[in-house]
Amino acid sequence: MADGLNRLLGGTPGRTIVKLVVICVVVGFIMSTFGLYPLDIVNWFRRSFVELWRSGFAALGRVGDYLILGAAIVIPIFILLRILNWRKS
């Protein structure tokens, strides 16, 4: 059991805890130096997702506009060609 736990943690539990504490202190110091806080990072991801969501739907709206504009030309031509082909048959 201990061997499996050591493999899972990448070392003994005590050594793994010490490594994690040191890494947490270093990362915390760097984040504090740059004025970053966990909530700021979460809010940045949330704002990015919301903006991507909104711009995605705006792009879909533009595609709908293009579809309607193109259909105004393509559908009448399609119907006209079908009528002309129907007369020849």
Protein backbone atom coordinates (compact mmCIF):
# COMPACT_ATOMS: atom_id res chain seq x y z
CA MET A 1 0.00 0.00 0.00
CA ALA A 2 2.79 2.44 0.90
CA ASP A 3 4.59 1.74 -2.38
CA GLY A 4 1.44 2.57 -4.36
CA LEU A 5 0.97 5.79 -2.37
CA ASN A 6 4.59 6.78 -2.94
CA ARG A 7 4.18 6.20 -6.68
CA LEU A 8 0.98 8.26 -6.70
CA LEU A 9 2.57 11.18 -4.85
CA GLY A 10 5.98 10.96 -6.56
CA GLY A 11 7.78 10.36 -3.27
CA THR A 12 7.04 9.91 0.40
CA PRO A 13 4.06 11.84 1.78
CA GLY A 14 6.26 14.04 3.99
CA ARG A 15 8.62 14.94 1.18
CA THR A 16 5.71 15.66 -1.17
CA ILE A 17 4.09 17.97 1.40
CA VAL A 18 7.36 19.89 1.87
CA LYS A 19 7.77 20.30 -1.92
CA LEU A 20 4.18 21.52 -2.26
CA VAL A 21 4.60 24.03 0.59
CA VAL A 22 7.79 25.44 -0.96
CA ILE A 23 6.18 25.71 -4.41
CA CYS A 24 3.07 27.37 -2.91
CA VAL A 25 5.22 29.98 -1.12
CA VAL A 26 7.22 30.75 -4.29
CA VAL A 27 4.10 31.02 -6.47
CA GLY A 28 2.34 33.11 -3.80
CA PHE A 29 5.32 35.48 -3.64
CA ILE A 30 5.41 35.87 -7.43
CA MET A 31 1.65 36.45 -7.62
CA SER A 32 1.82 39.02 -4.81
CA THR A 33 4.70 40.81 -6.57
CA PHE A 34 2.62 41.15 -9.74
CA GLY A 35 -0.55 42.04 -7.82
CA LEU A 36 -2.40 38.92 -8.92
CA TYR A 37 -4.96 37.29 -6.71
CA PRO A 38 -6.86 34.05 -7.28
CA LEU A 39 -10.20 35.85 -7.55
CA ASP A 40 -8.75 38.13 -10.25
CA ILE A 41 -7.75 35.09 -12.27
CA VAL A 42 -11.19 33.51 -11.85
CA ASN A 43 -12.88 36.76 -12.88
CA TRP A 44 -10.57 37.06 -15.91
CA PHE A 45 -11.56 33.56 -17.07
CA ARG A 46 -15.24 34.34 -16.48
CA ARG A 47 -15.07 37.63 -18.40
CA SER A 48 -13.15 35.95 -21.24
CA PHE A 49 -15.74 33.19 -21.48
CA VAL A 50 -18.66 35.65 -21.45
CA GLU A 51 -17.00 37.80 -24.13
CA LEU A 52 -16.29 34.76 -26.27
CA TRP A 53 -19.90 33.64 -25.81
CA ARG A 54 -21.25 37.05 -26.85
CA SER A 55 -18.93 37.46 -29.82
CA GLY A 56 -19.72 33.92 -30.93
CA PHE A 57 -23.43 34.67 -31.06
CA ALA A 58 -22.72 37.96 -32.78
CA ALA A 59 -20.79 36.04 -35.43
CA LEU A 60 -23.75 33.69 -35.82
CA GLY A 61 -25.99 36.72 -36.27
CA ARG A 62 -23.73 37.94 -39.07
CA VAL A 63 -23.88 34.52 -40.71
CA GLY A 64 -27.68 34.76 -40.60
CA ASP A 65 -27.49 38.15 -42.29
CA TYR A 66 -25.24 36.73 -45.00
CA LEU A 67 -27.63 33.81 -45.44
CA ILE A 68 -30.62 36.07 -45.97
CA LEU A 69 -28.72 38.37 -48.35
CA GLY A 70 -27.48 35.45 -50.41
CA ALA A 71 -30.88 33.75 -50.41
CA ALA A 72 -32.45 36.90 -51.85
CA ILE A 73 -30.40 36.28 -55.00
CA VAL A 74 -29.87 32.50 -55.06
CA ILE A 75 -33.44 31.30 -54.40
CA PRO A 76 -35.08 33.27 -57.25
CA ILE A 77 -32.34 32.16 -59.67
CA PHE A 78 -32.77 28.55 -58.50
CA ILE A 79 -36.54 28.71 -59.01
CA LEU A 80 -36.09 30.33 -62.44
CA LEU A 81 -33.63 27.62 -63.53
CA ARG A 82 -35.97 24.89 -62.30
CA ILE A 83 -38.86 26.39 -64.24
CA LEU A 84 -36.72 26.66 -67.39
CA ASN A 85 -35.50 23.05 -66.99
CA TRP A 86 -39.05 21.84 -66.40
CA ARG A 87 -40.20 23.36 -69.71
CA LYS A 88 -37.40 21.56 -71.59
CA SER A 89 -38.32 18.15 -70.17
